[in-house]
Amino acid sequence: MTTRITPLRLEAFEQLPKHARRCTYWEVDPTTVGGDDHLADPEFEKEAWLSMVMLEWGSCGQLAVRDRGAAHGSGADCDVEDEPCLGYVFYAPPRTVPRARRFPTGPVSADAVLLTTLGVEGQQELEGLSRALITAVVGDLVSRGVRALEAFGRSAEVDALSEEAEVPPDVRPVLEVLGDCAVGNCVLATDLLLDAGFEVVTHHRYFPRLRLELEQGLGWKAGVEEALERLLLSAQLEQPVGAGAGVRGQLRRA
């Protein structure tokens, strides 16, 4: 089975899994909804946010789909919107992400884009797919001249915060959720980010902030071609023009 990763288009919104379409953890600040922990139409809010970011800034998501067309030798004619979603990732300038202001390890650096959510669907987990989605984000950002990618991590200790009295005051704004959202699903695991090459820049017991440098000579480019080749071989991933290919071009010119 081959997999394609392509920039998310607004037309493909319905192709996202239901929980991804309804999750507004990063996009809506709970303090703006008048104390109600449910939104009347979370899918509308999520789609409106995507539309706003795409209009003002550009691509802010990547979508992994099963490439049935390639299996039949007609990948070029395959419509992405018709293919099953295997995984997705969202990223955006921190000024467009209300939740980012509630993390104790903020703010996000002025020269960085914020990686918010990454999901791989059910039993469709492919070795390296999470890393491949991040690689696609990096390829997009490098081609746009972005210097760094940052993310807030979630440590394993977060799961132990079960009683209100145990929750530190600086963590409570992070744990407050809307609707079906959950911190365990909405905030990336610190270990996943470390495995992808991020480094901790602001330490915190529960929610550290991590950074991946995208500039030449700062360590990221040294192993990226090897990582890309490993992903291509292990998961048979086909990077779209502007993702993996764009990264290789940047590295060869470095």
C-alpha atoms as a PDB file:
ATOM      1  CA  MET A   1       0.000   0.000   0.000  1.00  0.00           C
ATOM      2  CA  THR A   2       1.302   3.442  -0.908  1.00  0.00           C
ATOM      3  CA  THR A   3       0.493   6.675   0.871  1.00  0.00           C
ATOM      4  CA  ARG A   4       0.381  10.235  -0.359  1.00  0.00           C
ATOM      5  CA  ILE A   5       0.778  13.357   1.762  1.00  0.00           C
ATOM      6  CA  THR A   6      -0.678  16.512   0.267  1.00  0.00           C
ATOM      7  CA  PRO A   7      -1.468  20.030   1.522  1.00  0.00           C
ATOM      8  CA  LEU A   8      -4.945  20.141   3.042  1.00  0.00           C
ATOM      9  CA  ARG A   9      -7.462  22.021   0.897  1.00  0.00           C
ATOM     10  CA  LEU A  10     -10.671  23.448   2.287  1.00  0.00           C
ATOM     11  CA  GLU A  11     -12.574  21.267  -0.185  1.00  0.00           C
ATOM     12  CA  ALA A  12     -11.203  18.218   1.640  1.00  0.00           C
ATOM     13  CA  PHE A  13     -12.512  19.288   5.064  1.00  0.00           C
ATOM     14  CA  GLU A  14     -15.233  16.617   5.064  1.00  0.00           C
ATOM     15  CA  GLN A  15     -12.570  14.005   4.411  1.00  0.00           C
ATOM     16  CA  LEU A  16     -11.011  14.625   7.822  1.00  0.00           C
ATOM     17  CA  PRO A  17     -12.085  12.243  10.610  1.00  0.00           C
ATOM     18  CA  LYS A  18     -15.094  13.437  12.610  1.00  0.00           C
ATOM     19  CA  HIS A  19     -13.085  14.171  15.750  1.00  0.00           C
ATOM     20  CA  ALA A  20     -10.588  16.250  13.723  1.00  0.00           C
ATOM     21  CA  ARG A  21     -13.424  18.277  12.189  1.00  0.00           C
ATOM     22  CA  ARG A  22     -15.034  18.890  15.579  1.00  0.00           C
ATOM     23  CA  CYS A  23     -11.935  19.546  17.695  1.00  0.00           C
ATOM     24  CA  THR A  24     -11.498  23.246  18.454  1.00  0.00           C
ATOM     25  CA  TYR A  25      -9.023  22.919  21.313  1.00  0.00           C
ATOM     26  CA  TRP A  26      -6.416  25.142  19.652  1.00  0.00           C
ATOM     27  CA  GLU A  27      -8.750  27.329  17.625  1.00  0.00           C
ATOM     28  CA  VAL A  28     -11.176  28.608  20.292  1.00  0.00           C
ATOM     29  CA  ASP A  29     -10.313  30.147  23.672  1.00  0.00           C
ATOM     30  CA  PRO A  30     -12.802  28.763  26.249  1.00  0.00           C
ATOM     31  CA  THR A  31     -12.977  32.170  27.947  1.00  0.00           C
ATOM     32  CA  THR A  32     -14.688  33.596  24.860  1.00  0.00           C
ATOM     33  CA  VAL A  33     -17.724  31.292  24.965  1.00  0.00           C
ATOM     34  CA  GLY A  34     -19.285  32.555  28.181  1.00  0.00           C
ATOM     35  CA  GLY A  35     -18.554  29.614  30.434  1.00  0.00           C
ATOM     36  CA  ASP A  36     -20.326  27.095  28.168  1.00  0.00           C
ATOM     37  CA  ASP A  37     -18.141  24.034  27.609  1.00  0.00           C
ATOM     38  CA  HIS A  38     -19.860  23.154  24.339  1.00  0.00           C
ATOM     39  CA  LEU A  39     -20.010  25.003  21.031  1.00  0.00           C
ATOM     40  CA  ALA A  40     -23.254  25.038  19.060  1.00  0.00           C
ATOM     41  CA  ASP A  41     -21.453  24.014  15.867  1.00  0.00           C
ATOM     42  CA  PRO A  42     -17.789  23.023  16.406  1.00  0.00           C
ATOM     43  CA  GLU A  43     -17.389  21.862  12.796  1.00  0.00           C
ATOM     44  CA  PHE A  44     -18.390  25.311  11.576  1.00  0.00           C
ATOM     45  CA  GLU A  45     -15.886  26.911  13.960  1.00  0.00           C
ATOM     46  CA  LYS A  46     -13.083  24.599  12.803  1.00  0.00           C
ATOM     47  CA  GLU A  47     -13.825  25.118   9.109  1.00  0.00           C
ATOM     48  CA  ALA A  48     -14.067  28.885   9.617  1.00  0.00           C
ATOM     49  CA  TRP A  49     -10.676  28.882  11.340  1.00  0.00           C
ATOM     50  CA  LEU A  50      -9.079  26.884   8.528  1.00  0.00           C
ATOM     51  CA  SER A  51     -10.592  29.213   5.942  1.00  0.00           C
ATOM     52  CA  MET A  52      -9.288  32.283   7.772  1.00  0.00           C
ATOM     53  CA  VAL A  53      -5.738  30.956   8.143  1.00  0.00           C
ATOM     54  CA  MET A  54      -5.571  29.701   4.557  1.00  0.00           C
ATOM     55  CA  LEU A  55      -6.785  33.064   3.262  1.00  0.00           C
ATOM     56  CA  GLU A  56      -4.443  35.179   5.384  1.00  0.00           C
ATOM     57  CA  TRP A  57      -1.355  32.955   5.592  1.00  0.00           C
ATOM     58  CA  GLY A  58      -1.631  29.958   3.277  1.00  0.00           C
ATOM     59  CA  SER A  59      -1.531  26.182   3.724  1.00  0.00           C
ATOM     60  CA  CYS A  60      -1.924  25.156   7.383  1.00  0.00           C
ATOM     61  CA  GLY A  61      -2.475  21.408   7.149  1.00  0.00           C
ATOM     62  CA  GLN A  62      -1.213  18.212   5.535  1.00  0.00           C
ATOM     63  CA  LEU A  63      -3.349  15.178   4.745  1.00  0.00           C
ATOM     64  CA  ALA A  64      -2.158  11.582   4.366  1.00  0.00           C
ATOM     65  CA  VAL A  65      -4.308   9.378   2.140  1.00  0.00           C
ATOM     66  CA  ARG A  66      -4.130   5.870   0.751  1.00  0.00           C
ATOM     67  CA  ASP A  67      -2.998   6.210  -2.839  1.00  0.00           C
ATOM     68  CA  ARG A  68      -5.261   3.739  -4.625  1.00  0.00           C
ATOM     69  CA  GLY A  69      -4.559   5.410  -7.941  1.00  0.00           C
ATOM     70  CA  ALA A  70      -0.848   4.685  -7.705  1.00  0.00           C
ATOM     71  CA  ALA A  71      -1.607   1.011  -7.100  1.00  0.00           C
ATOM     72  CA  HIS A  72      -3.373   0.965 -10.454  1.00  0.00           C
ATOM     73  CA  GLY A  73      -0.776   3.043 -12.224  1.00  0.00           C
ATOM     74  CA  SER A  74      -2.962   6.151 -12.384  1.00  0.00           C
ATOM     75  CA  GLY A  75      -1.882   8.149  -9.353  1.00  0.00           C
ATOM     76  CA  ALA A  76      -1.839  11.411 -11.301  1.00  0.00           C
ATOM     77  CA  ASP A  77      -5.572  11.111 -12.006  1.00  0.00           C
ATOM     78  CA  CYS A  78      -6.558  10.176  -8.470  1.00  0.00           C
ATOM     79  CA  ASP A  79      -8.755  12.716  -6.655  1.00  0.00           C
ATOM     80  CA  VAL A  80      -7.442  13.140  -3.088  1.00  0.00           C
ATOM     81  CA  GLU A  81     -10.943  13.914  -1.811  1.00  0.00           C
ATOM     82  CA  ASP A  82     -12.027  10.401  -2.781  1.00  0.00           C
ATOM     83  CA  GLU A  83      -9.313   8.601  -0.823  1.00  0.00           C
ATOM     84  CA  PRO A  84      -9.470   7.390   2.816  1.00  0.00           C
ATOM     85  CA  CYS A  85      -7.716   9.645   5.336  1.00  0.00           C
ATOM     86  CA  LEU A  86      -4.841   7.913   7.114  1.00  0.00           C
ATOM     87  CA  GLY A  87      -3.490  10.904   9.021  1.00  0.00           C
ATOM     88  CA  TYR A  88      -3.443  14.679   9.275  1.00  0.00           C
ATOM     89  CA  VAL A  89      -1.478  17.519  10.837  1.00  0.00           C
ATOM     90  CA  PHE A  90      -2.246  21.197  11.492  1.00  0.00           C
ATOM     91  CA  TYR A  91       0.150  24.137  11.931  1.00  0.00           C
ATOM     92  CA  ALA A  92      -0.214  27.916  11.887  1.00  0.00           C
ATOM     93  CA  PRO A  93       1.300  31.224  13.001  1.00  0.00           C
ATOM     94  CA  PRO A  94       0.919  31.427  16.805  1.00  0.00           C
ATOM     95  CA  ARG A  95      -1.045  34.692  16.552  1.00  0.00           C
ATOM     96  CA  THR A  96      -3.879  32.700  14.944  1.00  0.00           C
ATOM     97  CA  VAL A  97      -3.916  30.022  17.679  1.00  0.00           C
ATOM     98  CA  PRO A  98      -5.792  31.311  20.775  1.00  0.00           C
ATOM     99  CA  ARG A  99      -4.892  28.326  22.967  1.00  0.00           C
ATOM    100  CA  ALA A 100      -1.169  28.998  22.570  1.00  0.00           C
ATOM    101  CA  ARG A 101      -1.513  31.996  24.870  1.00  0.00           C
ATOM    102  CA  ARG A 102      -2.696  29.772  27.730  1.00  0.00           C
ATOM    103  CA  PHE A 103       0.387  27.552  27.972  1.00  0.00           C
ATOM    104  CA  PRO A 104       2.779  28.285  30.848  1.00  0.00           C
ATOM    105  CA  THR A 105       5.802  27.823  28.571  1.00  0.00           C
ATOM    106  CA  GLY A 106       4.649  30.369  26.008  1.00  0.00           C
ATOM    107  CA  PRO A 107       4.877  32.512  24.105  1.00  0.00           C
ATOM    108  CA  VAL A 108       5.961  30.821  20.901  1.00  0.00           C
ATOM    109  CA  SER A 109       9.045  32.459  19.375  1.00  0.00           C
ATOM    110  CA  ALA A 110       8.353  35.277  16.932  1.00  0.00           C
ATOM    111  CA  ASP A 111      10.241  33.523  14.129  1.00  0.00           C
ATOM    112  CA  ALA A 112       8.414  30.188  14.488  1.00  0.00           C
ATOM    113  CA  VAL A 113       5.246  28.528  13.240  1.00  0.00           C
ATOM    114  CA  LEU A 114       3.300  26.453  15.780  1.00  0.00           C
ATOM    115  CA  LEU A 115       2.647  22.747  15.203  1.00  0.00           C
ATOM    116  CA  THR A 116      -0.683  22.067  16.920  1.00  0.00           C
ATOM    117  CA  THR A 117      -2.337  18.725  16.150  1.00  0.00           C
ATOM    118  CA  LEU A 118      -1.252  15.461  14.533  1.00  0.00           C
ATOM    119  CA  GLY A 119      -3.391  12.369  14.186  1.00  0.00           C
ATOM    120  CA  VAL A 120      -2.971   8.919  12.646  1.00  0.00           C
ATOM    121  CA  GLU A 121      -6.186   6.983  12.207  1.00  0.00           C
ATOM    122  CA  GLY A 122      -7.058   3.828  14.140  1.00  0.00           C
ATOM    123  CA  GLN A 123      -5.476   0.640  12.914  1.00  0.00           C
ATOM    124  CA  GLN A 124      -4.082   2.428   9.876  1.00  0.00           C
ATOM    125  CA  GLU A 125      -0.875   3.253  11.763  1.00  0.00           C
ATOM    126  CA  LEU A 126       2.080   2.990   9.429  1.00  0.00           C
ATOM    127  CA  GLU A 127       5.648   2.932  10.643  1.00  0.00           C
ATOM    128  CA  GLY A 128       6.978   6.449  10.285  1.00  0.00           C
ATOM    129  CA  LEU A 129       3.676   8.092   9.229  1.00  0.00           C
ATOM    130  CA  SER A 130       3.675  10.582  12.105  1.00  0.00           C
ATOM    131  CA  ARG A 131       7.272  11.505  11.300  1.00  0.00           C
ATOM    132  CA  ALA A 132       6.402  11.717   7.598  1.00  0.00           C
ATOM    133  CA  LEU A 133       3.574  14.167   8.300  1.00  0.00           C
ATOM    134  CA  ILE A 134       5.971  16.374  10.260  1.00  0.00           C
ATOM    135  CA  THR A 135       8.486  16.091   7.414  1.00  0.00           C
ATOM    136  CA  ALA A 136       5.802  17.312   5.000  1.00  0.00           C
ATOM    137  CA  VAL A 137       5.179  20.303   7.276  1.00  0.00           C
ATOM    138  CA  VAL A 138       8.909  21.034   7.363  1.00  0.00           C
ATOM    139  CA  GLY A 139       9.120  20.820   3.574  1.00  0.00           C
ATOM    140  CA  ASP A 140       6.293  23.327   3.217  1.00  0.00           C
ATOM    141  CA  LEU A 141       7.766  25.753   5.752  1.00  0.00           C
ATOM    142  CA  VAL A 142      11.305  25.572   4.360  1.00  0.00           C
ATOM    143  CA  SER A 143       9.965  26.484   0.915  1.00  0.00           C
ATOM    144  CA  ARG A 144       8.223  29.482   2.499  1.00  0.00           C
ATOM    145  CA  GLY A 145      11.315  30.726   4.302  1.00  0.00           C
ATOM    146  CA  VAL A 146      10.161  29.934   7.852  1.00  0.00           C
ATOM    147  CA  ARG A 147      13.038  29.700  10.338  1.00  0.00           C
ATOM    148  CA  ALA A 148      11.638  27.287  12.932  1.00  0.00           C
ATOM    149  CA  LEU A 149       8.772  25.011  13.925  1.00  0.00           C
ATOM    150  CA  GLU A 150       7.711  24.927  17.575  1.00  0.00           C
ATOM    151  CA  ALA A 151       5.228  22.853  19.551  1.00  0.00           C
ATOM    152  CA  PHE A 152       3.977  22.426  23.087  1.00  0.00           C
ATOM    153  CA  GLY A 153       4.657  18.922  24.343  1.00  0.00           C
ATOM    154  CA  ARG A 154       2.617  16.782  26.740  1.00  0.00           C
ATOM    155  CA  SER A 155       4.570  14.737  29.264  1.00  0.00           C
ATOM    156  CA  ALA A 156       3.429  11.351  30.504  1.00  0.00           C
ATOM    157  CA  GLU A 157       2.801  12.887  33.932  1.00  0.00           C
ATOM    158  CA  VAL A 158      -0.218  14.778  32.613  1.00  0.00           C
ATOM    159  CA  ASP A 159      -2.284  11.585  32.848  1.00  0.00           C
ATOM    160  CA  ALA A 160      -1.746  11.559  36.611  1.00  0.00           C
ATOM    161  CA  LEU A 161      -3.523  14.890  37.052  1.00  0.00           C
ATOM    162  CA  SER A 162      -6.839  13.377  38.070  1.00  0.00           C
ATOM    163  CA  GLU A 163      -7.924  15.519  40.998  1.00  0.00           C
ATOM    164  CA  GLU A 164      -8.591  19.255  40.824  1.00  0.00           C
ATOM    165  CA  ALA A 165      -6.503  19.879  43.934  1.00  0.00           C
ATOM    166  CA  GLU A 166      -3.490  18.315  42.224  1.00  0.00           C
ATOM    167  CA  VAL A 167      -3.573  20.627  39.212  1.00  0.00           C
ATOM    168  CA  PRO A 168      -1.059  23.495  39.443  1.00  0.00           C
ATOM    169  CA  PRO A 169      -2.612  26.929  38.710  1.00  0.00           C
ATOM    170  CA  ASP A 170      -0.470  27.485  35.608  1.00  0.00           C
ATOM    171  CA  VAL A 171      -1.700  24.200  34.119  1.00  0.00           C
ATOM    172  CA  ARG A 172      -5.451  24.658  34.606  1.00  0.00           C
ATOM    173  CA  PRO A 173      -5.891  26.923  31.528  1.00  0.00           C
ATOM    174  CA  VAL A 174      -4.298  24.184  29.407  1.00  0.00           C
ATOM    175  CA  LEU A 175      -6.559  21.421  30.718  1.00  0.00           C
ATOM    176  CA  GLU A 176      -9.786  23.365  30.155  1.00  0.00           C
ATOM    177  CA  VAL A 177     -11.480  21.880  27.085  1.00  0.00           C
ATOM    178  CA  LEU A 178     -14.553  22.358  24.914  1.00  0.00           C
ATOM    179  CA  GLY A 179     -16.936  19.604  23.852  1.00  0.00           C
ATOM    180  CA  ASP A 180     -15.283  16.294  22.997  1.00  0.00           C
ATOM    181  CA  CYS A 181     -11.741  17.662  23.035  1.00  0.00           C
ATOM    182  CA  ALA A 182      -9.178  16.121  25.369  1.00  0.00           C
ATOM    183  CA  VAL A 183      -5.660  17.199  26.168  1.00  0.00           C
ATOM    184  CA  GLY A 184      -4.430  13.657  25.568  1.00  0.00           C
ATOM    185  CA  ASN A 185      -5.643  13.850  21.960  1.00  0.00           C
ATOM    186  CA  CYS A 186      -5.030  17.526  21.235  1.00  0.00           C
ATOM    187  CA  VAL A 187      -1.517  18.148  22.614  1.00  0.00           C
ATOM    188  CA  LEU A 188       1.374  16.264  21.042  1.00  0.00           C
ATOM    189  CA  ALA A 189       3.366  13.867  23.207  1.00  0.00           C
ATOM    190  CA  THR A 190       6.780  15.225  24.131  1.00  0.00           C
ATOM    191  CA  ASP A 191       8.438  11.912  23.219  1.00  0.00           C
ATOM    192  CA  LEU A 192       6.983  12.038  19.701  1.00  0.00           C
ATOM    193  CA  LEU A 193       8.420  15.522  19.193  1.00  0.00           C
ATOM    194  CA  LEU A 194      11.824  14.540  20.563  1.00  0.00           C
ATOM    195  CA  ASP A 195      11.915  11.522  18.248  1.00  0.00           C
ATOM    196  CA  ALA A 196      11.207  13.864  15.311  1.00  0.00           C
ATOM    197  CA  GLY A 197      14.242  15.995  16.148  1.00  0.00           C
ATOM    198  CA  PHE A 198      12.693  18.755  18.275  1.00  0.00           C
ATOM    199  CA  GLU A 199      14.629  20.097  21.247  1.00  0.00           C
ATOM    200  CA  VAL A 200      13.193  21.458  24.488  1.00  0.00           C
ATOM    201  CA  VAL A 201      13.668  25.233  24.713  1.00  0.00           C
ATOM    202  CA  THR A 202      11.465  25.905  27.755  1.00  0.00           C
ATOM    203  CA  HIS A 203      11.285  23.170  30.357  1.00  0.00           C
ATOM    204  CA  HIS A 204       8.112  22.336  32.266  1.00  0.00           C
ATOM    205  CA  ARG A 205       7.026  19.267  34.199  1.00  0.00           C
ATOM    206  CA  TYR A 206       3.848  18.846  32.171  1.00  0.00           C
ATOM    207  CA  PHE A 207       3.932  21.055  29.055  1.00  0.00           C
ATOM    208  CA  PRO A 208       7.425  21.922  27.771  1.00  0.00           C
ATOM    209  CA  ARG A 209       7.882  23.979  24.626  1.00  0.00           C
ATOM    210  CA  LEU A 210      10.028  22.401  21.909  1.00  0.00           C
ATOM    211  CA  ARG A 211      11.647  23.763  18.758  1.00  0.00           C
ATOM    212  CA  LEU A 212      12.915  22.412  15.447  1.00  0.00           C
ATOM    213  CA  GLU A 213      15.357  24.701  13.658  1.00  0.00           C
ATOM    214  CA  LEU A 214      14.832  24.945   9.906  1.00  0.00           C
ATOM    215  CA  GLU A 215      17.749  27.217   9.051  1.00  0.00           C
ATOM    216  CA  GLN A 216      20.794  25.949   7.212  1.00  0.00           C
ATOM    217  CA  GLY A 217      23.573  24.708   9.415  1.00  0.00           C
ATOM    218  CA  LEU A 218      21.532  24.419  12.602  1.00  0.00           C
ATOM    219  CA  GLY A 219      21.431  20.657  12.762  1.00  0.00           C
ATOM    220  CA  TRP A 220      18.131  19.716  11.134  1.00  0.00           C
ATOM    221  CA  LYS A 221      19.371  19.314   7.567  1.00  0.00           C
ATOM    222  CA  ALA A 222      22.195  16.939   8.582  1.00  0.00           C
ATOM    223  CA  GLY A 223      19.931  13.903   8.862  1.00  0.00           C
ATOM    224  CA  VAL A 224      16.834  14.837   6.952  1.00  0.00           C
ATOM    225  CA  GLU A 225      17.728  13.208   3.628  1.00  0.00           C
ATOM    226  CA  GLU A 226      18.529   9.959   5.389  1.00  0.00           C
ATOM    227  CA  ALA A 227      15.239  10.196   7.304  1.00  0.00           C
ATOM    228  CA  LEU A 228      13.309  10.851   4.111  1.00  0.00           C
ATOM    229  CA  GLU A 229      14.847   7.874   2.358  1.00  0.00           C
ATOM    230  CA  ARG A 230      14.089   5.668   5.351  1.00  0.00           C
ATOM    231  CA  LEU A 231      10.469   6.816   5.328  1.00  0.00           C
ATOM    232  CA  LEU A 232      10.139   6.248   1.614  1.00  0.00           C
ATOM    233  CA  LEU A 233      11.451   2.728   1.953  1.00  0.00           C
ATOM    234  CA  SER A 234       9.682   1.673   5.150  1.00  0.00           C
ATOM    235  CA  ALA A 235       6.233   3.133   4.489  1.00  0.00           C
ATOM    236  CA  GLN A 236       6.432   3.480   0.689  1.00  0.00           C
ATOM    237  CA  LEU A 237       5.500   7.131   1.029  1.00  0.00           C
ATOM    238  CA  GLU A 238       5.255   9.352  -2.005  1.00  0.00           C
ATOM    239  CA  GLN A 239       5.956  12.966  -1.062  1.00  0.00           C
ATOM    240  CA  PRO A 240       4.133  15.550  -3.235  1.00  0.00           C
ATOM    241  CA  VAL A 241       5.940  18.242  -5.163  1.00  0.00           C
ATOM    242  CA  GLY A 242       6.776  20.988  -2.681  1.00  0.00           C
ATOM    243  CA  ALA A 243       7.152  18.677   0.337  1.00  0.00           C
ATOM    244  CA  GLY A 244       9.933  16.085   0.265  1.00  0.00           C
ATOM    245  CA  ALA A 245      11.205  17.274  -3.090  1.00  0.00           C
ATOM    246  CA  GLY A 246      11.334  20.834  -1.848  1.00  0.00           C
ATOM    247  CA  VAL A 247      13.334  19.802   1.185  1.00  0.00           C
ATOM    248  CA  ARG A 248      15.864  17.896  -0.900  1.00  0.00           C
ATOM    249  CA  GLY A 249      16.278  20.908  -3.144  1.00  0.00           C
ATOM    250  CA  GLN A 250      16.949  23.147  -0.154  1.00  0.00           C
ATOM    251  CA  LEU A 251      19.507  20.710   1.226  1.00  0.00           C
ATOM    252  CA  ARG A 252      21.370  20.277  -2.046  1.00  0.00           C
ATOM    253  CA  ARG A 253      21.684  24.042  -2.393  1.00  0.00           C
ATOM    254  CA  ALA A 254      22.961  24.378   1.179  1.00  0.00           C
END
